[in-house]
């Protein structure tokens, strides 16, 4: 009896955990689709190449006047970029 109850609790906890993970994945995918976002493509090269990069909070705050930015960092390019501007201006 006792072992059976522990097994039931363990299975219930596993079900809840898997349901929570599924909920997170579905929520993130729903937001990504609604705001036309995409996941990064990971490559073996030491490069970061962003085309039309957006920050969701900045984009939503300025409502229609946000301009997407490109950024390219690689082994052959400069390693340090100093980005200045007022707070909350999209420097992230």
N, C-alpha and C. Protein backbone atom coordinates (compact mmCIF):
# COMPACT_ATOMS: atom_id res chain seq x y z
N UNK A 1 0.83 -1.20 0.00
CA UNK A 1 0.00 0.00 0.00
C UNK A 1 0.87 1.25 0.00
N UNK A 2 1.82 1.35 0.94
CA UNK A 2 2.66 2.53 1.07
C UNK A 2 3.50 2.75 -0.19
N UNK A 3 4.09 1.70 -0.73
CA UNK A 3 4.92 1.79 -1.93
C UNK A 3 4.08 2.25 -3.11
N UNK A 4 2.87 1.76 -3.23
CA UNK A 4 1.98 2.14 -4.31
C UNK A 4 1.66 3.64 -4.24
N UNK A 5 1.42 4.16 -3.04
CA UNK A 5 1.12 5.59 -2.88
C UNK A 5 2.32 6.44 -3.27
N UNK A 6 3.51 6.03 -2.88
CA UNK A 6 4.73 6.77 -3.25
C UNK A 6 4.89 6.76 -4.76
N UNK A 7 4.62 5.63 -5.39
CA UNK A 7 4.72 5.52 -6.84
C UNK A 7 3.72 6.46 -7.51
N UNK A 8 2.48 6.52 -6.97
CA UNK A 8 1.48 7.41 -7.53
C UNK A 8 1.91 8.87 -7.40
N UNK A 9 2.47 9.26 -6.28
CA UNK A 9 2.95 10.63 -6.06
C UNK A 9 4.08 10.93 -7.04
N UNK A 10 4.98 9.99 -7.20
CA UNK A 10 6.11 10.17 -8.11
C UNK A 10 5.63 10.35 -9.55
N UNK A 11 4.68 9.54 -9.96
CA UNK A 11 4.14 9.67 -11.32
C UNK A 11 3.40 11.00 -11.48
N UNK A 12 2.67 11.40 -10.47
CA UNK A 12 1.95 12.68 -10.51
C UNK A 12 2.93 13.84 -10.62
N UNK A 13 4.02 13.80 -9.86
CA UNK A 13 5.03 14.86 -9.92
C UNK A 13 5.68 14.91 -11.31
N UNK A 14 5.93 13.76 -11.88
CA UNK A 14 6.51 13.70 -13.23
C UNK A 14 5.55 14.30 -14.25
N UNK A 15 4.27 13.99 -14.12
CA UNK A 15 3.25 14.53 -15.03
C UNK A 15 3.17 16.05 -14.91
N UNK A 16 3.19 16.55 -13.69
CA UNK A 16 3.13 18.00 -13.46
C UNK A 16 4.38 18.67 -14.03
N UNK A 17 5.53 18.09 -13.82
CA UNK A 17 6.78 18.65 -14.34
C UNK A 17 6.77 18.72 -15.87
N UNK A 18 6.35 17.64 -16.49
CA UNK A 18 6.30 17.62 -17.97
C UNK A 18 5.26 18.61 -18.50
N UNK A 19 4.14 18.72 -17.81
CA UNK A 19 3.11 19.68 -18.22
C UNK A 19 3.63 21.11 -18.11
N UNK A 20 4.36 21.41 -17.05
CA UNK A 20 4.92 22.74 -16.87
C UNK A 20 5.93 23.06 -17.97
N UNK A 21 6.77 22.10 -18.29
CA UNK A 21 7.75 22.32 -19.37
C UNK A 21 7.06 22.56 -20.71
N UNK A 22 6.03 21.79 -20.98
CA UNK A 22 5.27 21.97 -22.22
C UNK A 22 4.60 23.34 -22.24
N UNK A 23 4.08 23.78 -21.11
CA UNK A 23 3.44 25.09 -21.02
C UNK A 23 4.44 26.21 -21.34
N UNK A 24 5.65 26.12 -20.81
CA UNK A 24 6.68 27.12 -21.08
C UNK A 24 7.03 27.14 -22.57
N UNK A 25 7.24 25.99 -23.15
CA UNK A 25 7.59 25.91 -24.57
C UNK A 25 6.48 26.49 -25.44
N UNK A 26 5.25 26.12 -25.16
CA UNK A 26 4.13 26.63 -25.95
C UNK A 26 3.94 28.14 -25.77
N UNK A 27 4.13 28.64 -24.56
CA UNK A 27 4.01 30.08 -24.31
C UNK A 27 5.08 30.86 -25.06
N UNK A 28 6.32 30.39 -24.98
CA UNK A 28 7.41 31.07 -25.70
C UNK A 28 7.20 31.02 -27.20
N UNK A 29 6.75 29.90 -27.72
CA UNK A 29 6.54 29.80 -29.17
C UNK A 29 5.38 30.68 -29.61
N UNK A 30 4.37 30.81 -28.78
CA UNK A 30 3.23 31.67 -29.10
C UNK A 30 3.66 33.14 -29.18
N UNK A 31 4.45 33.58 -28.22
CA UNK A 31 4.95 34.97 -28.23
C UNK A 31 5.90 35.17 -29.42
N UNK A 32 6.75 34.20 -29.68
CA UNK A 32 7.68 34.32 -30.81
C UNK A 32 6.93 34.46 -32.13
N UNK A 33 5.88 33.70 -32.30
CA UNK A 33 5.09 33.80 -33.53
C UNK A 33 4.36 35.14 -33.60
N UNK A 34 3.79 35.59 -32.49
CA UNK A 34 3.03 36.84 -32.47
C UNK A 34 3.90 38.05 -32.80
N UNK A 35 5.18 38.00 -32.41
CA UNK A 35 6.08 39.14 -32.63
C UNK A 35 7.13 38.87 -33.70
N UNK A 36 6.89 37.85 -34.52
CA UNK A 36 7.78 37.52 -35.64
C UNK A 36 9.24 37.38 -35.20
N UNK A 37 9.45 36.61 -34.16
CA UNK A 37 10.80 36.37 -33.65
C UNK A 37 11.29 35.02 -34.14
N UNK A 38 12.59 34.85 -34.14
CA UNK A 38 13.15 33.57 -34.56
C UNK A 38 14.28 33.18 -33.62
N UNK A 39 14.56 31.90 -33.57
CA UNK A 39 15.64 31.44 -32.71
C UNK A 39 16.97 31.59 -33.43
N UNK A 40 18.05 31.75 -32.71
CA UNK A 40 19.36 31.89 -33.36
C UNK A 40 19.80 30.58 -34.01
N UNK A 41 20.57 30.71 -35.05
CA UNK A 41 21.16 29.54 -35.70
C UNK A 41 22.59 29.44 -35.18
N UNK A 42 22.91 28.35 -34.54
CA UNK A 42 24.23 28.15 -33.95
C UNK A 42 25.14 27.51 -34.99
N UNK A 43 26.32 28.11 -35.15
CA UNK A 43 27.31 27.59 -36.11
C UNK A 43 28.62 27.32 -35.37
N UNK A 44 29.52 26.60 -36.02
CA UNK A 44 30.79 26.26 -35.40
C UNK A 44 31.80 27.40 -35.44
N UNK A 45 31.59 28.39 -36.30
CA UNK A 45 32.52 29.51 -36.40
C UNK A 45 32.37 30.44 -35.20
N UNK A 46 33.43 31.19 -34.94
CA UNK A 46 33.43 32.16 -33.85
C UNK A 46 32.89 33.49 -34.37
N UNK A 47 31.56 33.55 -34.56
CA UNK A 47 30.95 34.72 -35.18
C UNK A 47 29.57 34.97 -34.56
N UNK A 48 29.23 36.25 -34.48
CA UNK A 48 27.89 36.66 -34.08
C UNK A 48 27.41 37.62 -35.15
N UNK A 49 26.40 37.22 -35.90
CA UNK A 49 25.89 38.02 -37.01
C UNK A 49 24.39 38.22 -36.82
N UNK A 50 24.00 39.44 -36.52
CA UNK A 50 22.60 39.76 -36.26
C UNK A 50 22.08 40.64 -37.38
N UNK A 51 21.00 40.22 -37.99
CA UNK A 51 20.34 41.00 -39.05
C UNK A 51 18.98 41.46 -38.53
N UNK A 52 18.72 42.75 -38.64
CA UNK A 52 17.46 43.33 -38.17
C UNK A 52 17.15 42.95 -36.73
N UNK A 53 18.17 43.09 -35.87
CA UNK A 53 18.02 42.75 -34.46
C UNK A 53 17.05 43.68 -33.76
N UNK A 54 16.26 43.08 -32.87
CA UNK A 54 15.25 43.85 -32.15
C UNK A 54 15.29 43.45 -30.68
N UNK A 55 14.94 44.38 -29.82
CA UNK A 55 14.77 44.09 -28.40
C UNK A 55 13.28 44.26 -28.13
N UNK A 56 12.63 43.20 -27.70
CA UNK A 56 11.17 43.19 -27.59
C UNK A 56 10.63 44.31 -26.72
N UNK A 57 11.30 44.63 -25.61
CA UNK A 57 10.80 45.69 -24.74
C UNK A 57 10.94 47.06 -25.40
N UNK A 58 12.08 47.31 -26.03
CA UNK A 58 12.25 48.60 -26.73
C UNK A 58 11.25 48.72 -27.86
N UNK A 59 11.10 47.68 -28.62
CA UNK A 59 10.19 47.71 -29.76
C UNK A 59 8.75 47.99 -29.33
N UNK A 60 8.32 47.41 -28.24
CA UNK A 60 6.96 47.63 -27.76
C UNK A 60 6.77 49.01 -27.14
N UNK A 61 7.84 49.55 -26.57
CA UNK A 61 7.75 50.83 -25.89
C UNK A 61 7.63 52.01 -26.86
N UNK A 62 8.38 51.96 -27.96
CA UNK A 62 8.39 53.10 -28.89
C UNK A 62 7.31 52.99 -29.96
N UNK A 63 6.56 51.94 -29.98
CA UNK A 63 5.36 51.77 -30.82
C UNK A 63 5.47 52.35 -32.22
N UNK A 64 6.08 51.61 -33.12
CA UNK A 64 6.10 51.98 -34.53
C UNK A 64 7.32 52.76 -34.99
N UNK A 65 8.10 53.31 -34.07
CA UNK A 65 9.27 54.08 -34.49
C UNK A 65 10.58 53.34 -34.23
N UNK A 66 10.49 52.07 -33.83
CA UNK A 66 11.70 51.29 -33.57
C UNK A 66 12.36 50.90 -34.89
N UNK A 67 13.69 51.05 -34.96
CA UNK A 67 14.44 50.69 -36.16
C UNK A 67 15.33 49.50 -35.82
N UNK A 68 15.12 48.35 -36.48
CA UNK A 68 15.97 47.18 -36.24
C UNK A 68 17.43 47.47 -36.60
N UNK A 69 18.35 46.83 -35.90
CA UNK A 69 19.77 47.06 -36.08
C UNK A 69 20.50 45.79 -36.49
N UNK A 70 21.55 45.95 -37.28
CA UNK A 70 22.44 44.85 -37.63
C UNK A 70 23.70 44.94 -36.76
N UNK A 71 24.31 43.80 -36.50
CA UNK A 71 25.58 43.75 -35.79
C UNK A 71 26.35 42.53 -36.28
N UNK A 72 27.65 42.70 -36.44
CA UNK A 72 28.49 41.59 -36.90
C UNK A 72 29.78 41.60 -36.08
N UNK A 73 30.04 40.50 -35.41
CA UNK A 73 31.26 40.32 -34.65
C UNK A 73 31.89 39.00 -35.09
N UNK A 74 33.18 39.03 -35.39
CA UNK A 74 33.89 37.80 -35.76
C UNK A 74 35.34 37.92 -35.33
N UNK A 75 36.10 36.85 -35.54
CA UNK A 75 37.52 36.86 -35.19
C UNK A 75 38.27 37.92 -35.99
N UNK A 76 37.82 38.19 -37.22
CA UNK A 76 38.50 39.14 -38.08
C UNK A 76 38.11 40.59 -37.83
N UNK A 77 37.01 40.81 -37.11
CA UNK A 77 36.55 42.18 -36.87
C UNK A 77 37.05 42.66 -35.51
N UNK A 78 36.76 43.91 -35.22
CA UNK A 78 37.14 44.47 -33.93
C UNK A 78 36.50 43.67 -32.81
N UNK A 79 37.23 43.51 -31.72
CA UNK A 79 36.73 42.72 -30.60
C UNK A 79 35.90 43.54 -29.62
N UNK A 80 36.14 44.85 -29.57
CA UNK A 80 35.44 45.69 -28.61
C UNK A 80 34.70 46.78 -29.36
N UNK A 81 33.44 46.94 -29.02
CA UNK A 81 32.63 48.01 -29.58
C UNK A 81 32.08 48.83 -28.42
N UNK A 82 32.31 50.12 -28.45
CA UNK A 82 31.77 50.99 -27.41
C UNK A 82 30.49 51.59 -27.97
N UNK A 83 29.39 51.26 -27.34
CA UNK A 83 28.08 51.72 -27.80
C UNK A 83 27.55 52.70 -26.78
N UNK A 84 27.31 53.92 -27.22
CA UNK A 84 26.85 54.95 -26.30
C UNK A 84 25.44 55.40 -26.67
N UNK A 85 24.82 56.10 -25.78
CA UNK A 85 23.49 56.62 -26.02
C UNK A 85 22.73 56.70 -24.72
N UNK A 86 21.57 57.32 -24.75
CA UNK A 86 20.79 57.44 -23.52
C UNK A 86 20.32 56.07 -23.04
N UNK A 87 20.01 56.00 -21.77
CA UNK A 87 19.46 54.76 -21.23
C UNK A 87 18.20 54.38 -21.98
N UNK A 88 18.00 53.09 -22.16
CA UNK A 88 16.82 52.54 -22.82
C UNK A 88 16.74 52.98 -24.27
N UNK A 89 17.89 53.03 -24.95
CA UNK A 89 17.87 53.43 -26.36
C UNK A 89 18.21 52.27 -27.28
N UNK A 90 18.17 51.05 -26.78
CA UNK A 90 18.41 49.90 -27.63
C UNK A 90 19.84 49.43 -27.69
N UNK A 91 20.65 49.80 -26.72
CA UNK A 91 22.05 49.39 -26.72
C UNK A 91 22.22 47.91 -26.40
N UNK A 92 21.19 47.29 -25.87
CA UNK A 92 21.30 45.87 -25.56
C UNK A 92 21.37 45.10 -26.83
